[in-house]
Amino acid sequence: YNNKKNSLVTRPPYSFSCLIFMAIESSTRKRLSVKEIYSWIIENFPYYQSVPSGSWKNSIRHNLSFNHSFCKVDKNLLAMRDFSGKGSLWCINPELRPTLIDLLLKIPVNDTQK
């Protein structure tokens, strides 16, 4: 997903909803905690290591809470092996998955924002 050469100095061209989508889609369980989403973003887009974490992490939480593309997984439906931490797990709303894929495909891969 990233271009390591420019990722430290250039903000990725992806919206926060696209970053969340990529993180969740990359997981084998297709669901992640907020902390796991943060970790995936930092690992794949080192740019976010160099900016104040408060603002972008708040944007991630806001997107999860208010964007209908994401669903909170009911803990009562999870086996203990799936999740034993605090908080919630998040997944992609299956009805809106095609919309997120279309959005992601419209973003130029080699976009080097100036």
Protein backbone atom coordinates (compact mmCIF):
# COMPACT_ATOMS: atom_id res chain seq x y z
CA TYR A 1 0.00 0.00 0.00
CA ASN A 2 2.83 2.37 0.55
CA ASN A 3 5.79 3.90 -1.14
CA LYS A 4 8.44 3.74 1.60
CA LYS A 5 10.61 6.32 -0.18
CA ASN A 6 8.07 9.13 0.17
CA SER A 7 6.01 7.84 3.09
CA LEU A 8 8.09 9.55 5.78
CA VAL A 9 7.76 13.05 4.34
CA THR A 10 4.54 12.97 2.34
CA ARG A 11 1.08 12.50 3.69
CA PRO A 12 -0.50 9.45 2.04
CA PRO A 13 -3.21 10.30 -0.54
CA TYR A 14 -5.75 8.12 1.27
CA SER A 15 -8.66 9.35 3.36
CA PHE A 16 -8.95 8.02 6.89
CA SER A 17 -11.85 5.84 5.83
CA CYS A 18 -9.62 4.29 3.14
CA LEU A 19 -6.84 3.71 5.67
CA ILE A 20 -9.28 1.99 8.02
CA PHE A 21 -10.67 -0.09 5.17
CA MET A 22 -7.17 -1.20 4.10
CA ALA A 23 -6.25 -2.09 7.67
CA ILE A 24 -9.35 -4.18 8.29
CA GLU A 25 -9.18 -5.86 4.88
CA SER A 26 -5.55 -6.83 5.47
CA SER A 27 -6.40 -8.70 8.66
CA THR A 28 -7.12 -12.41 8.49
CA ARG A 29 -10.17 -12.03 10.77
CA LYS A 30 -11.49 -9.02 8.81
CA ARG A 31 -11.98 -7.18 12.09
CA LEU A 32 -9.61 -5.11 14.20
CA SER A 33 -9.53 -3.12 17.40
CA VAL A 34 -8.84 0.60 17.22
CA LYS A 35 -5.35 -0.04 18.58
CA GLU A 36 -4.70 -2.60 15.83
CA ILE A 37 -5.90 -0.10 13.21
CA TYR A 38 -3.47 2.52 14.57
CA SER A 39 -0.63 -0.01 14.49
CA TRP A 40 -1.39 -1.03 10.91
CA ILE A 41 -1.45 2.59 9.76
CA ILE A 42 1.88 3.41 11.44
CA GLU A 43 3.49 0.25 10.08
CA ASN A 44 2.32 0.83 6.51
CA PHE A 45 2.50 4.63 6.44
CA PRO A 46 5.45 5.81 8.56
CA TYR A 47 4.39 9.41 7.88
CA TYR A 48 1.99 9.00 10.80
CA GLN A 49 4.90 8.30 13.16
CA SER A 50 6.18 11.83 12.58
CA VAL A 51 2.97 13.81 13.12
CA PRO A 52 1.15 14.43 16.42
CA SER A 53 -0.87 11.30 17.07
CA GLY A 54 -3.78 13.05 18.77
CA SER A 55 -5.26 14.58 15.65
CA TRP A 56 -5.08 11.65 13.24
CA LYS A 57 -6.07 9.09 15.88
CA ASN A 58 -9.10 11.23 16.73
CA SER A 59 -10.00 11.24 13.02
CA ILE A 60 -9.77 7.44 12.94
CA ARG A 61 -12.09 7.14 15.96
CA HIS A 62 -14.50 9.68 14.44
CA ASN A 63 -14.64 7.74 11.15
CA LEU A 64 -15.27 4.46 12.94
CA SER A 65 -18.08 5.96 14.99
CA PHE A 66 -19.87 8.03 12.35
CA ASN A 67 -19.08 6.43 8.98
CA HIS A 68 -21.70 3.79 8.16
CA SER A 69 -19.03 1.83 6.26
CA PHE A 70 -17.77 0.48 9.58
CA CYS A 71 -19.58 -1.70 12.10
CA LYS A 72 -18.81 -2.45 15.70
CA VAL A 73 -18.70 -6.22 16.26
CA ASP A 74 -20.94 -7.45 19.06
CA LYS A 75 -18.61 -8.90 21.69
CA ASN A 76 -21.25 -11.44 22.68
CA LEU A 77 -20.92 -13.04 19.24
CA LEU A 78 -17.14 -13.44 19.49
CA ALA A 79 -15.29 -16.48 20.69
CA MET A 80 -12.70 -15.65 23.34
CA ARG A 81 -9.93 -16.63 20.91
CA ASP A 82 -11.06 -13.82 18.61
CA PHE A 83 -10.86 -11.01 21.12
CA SER A 84 -9.85 -10.74 24.72
CA GLY A 85 -8.84 -7.07 24.94
CA LYS A 86 -10.62 -3.90 25.96
CA GLY A 87 -12.78 -1.90 23.63
CA SER A 88 -14.49 -3.15 20.50
CA LEU A 89 -13.61 -4.78 17.25
CA TRP A 90 -14.54 -3.09 13.99
CA CYS A 91 -15.41 -4.62 10.64
CA ILE A 92 -16.52 -3.44 7.20
CA ASN A 93 -20.24 -3.06 6.54
CA PRO A 94 -20.67 -5.70 3.79
CA GLU A 95 -23.27 -3.58 1.99
CA LEU A 96 -20.83 -0.66 1.70
CA ARG A 97 -17.66 -2.64 0.93
CA PRO A 98 -18.03 -2.11 -2.87
CA THR A 99 -18.24 1.65 -2.30
CA LEU A 100 -14.99 1.63 -0.30
CA ILE A 101 -13.26 -0.46 -2.97
CA ASP A 102 -14.38 2.00 -5.67
CA LEU A 103 -13.15 4.92 -3.59
CA LEU A 104 -9.78 3.27 -3.06
CA LEU A 105 -9.38 2.44 -6.76
CA LYS A 106 -9.96 6.10 -7.72
CA ILE A 107 -6.88 7.24 -5.79
CA PRO A 108 -3.71 7.46 -7.91
CA VAL A 109 -1.13 5.02 -6.55
CA ASN A 110 1.85 7.20 -7.41
CA ASP A 111 0.33 10.41 -6.08
CA THR A 112 3.15 12.51 -4.67
CA GLN A 113 1.29 15.41 -3.18
CA LYS A 114 3.15 18.68 -3.52
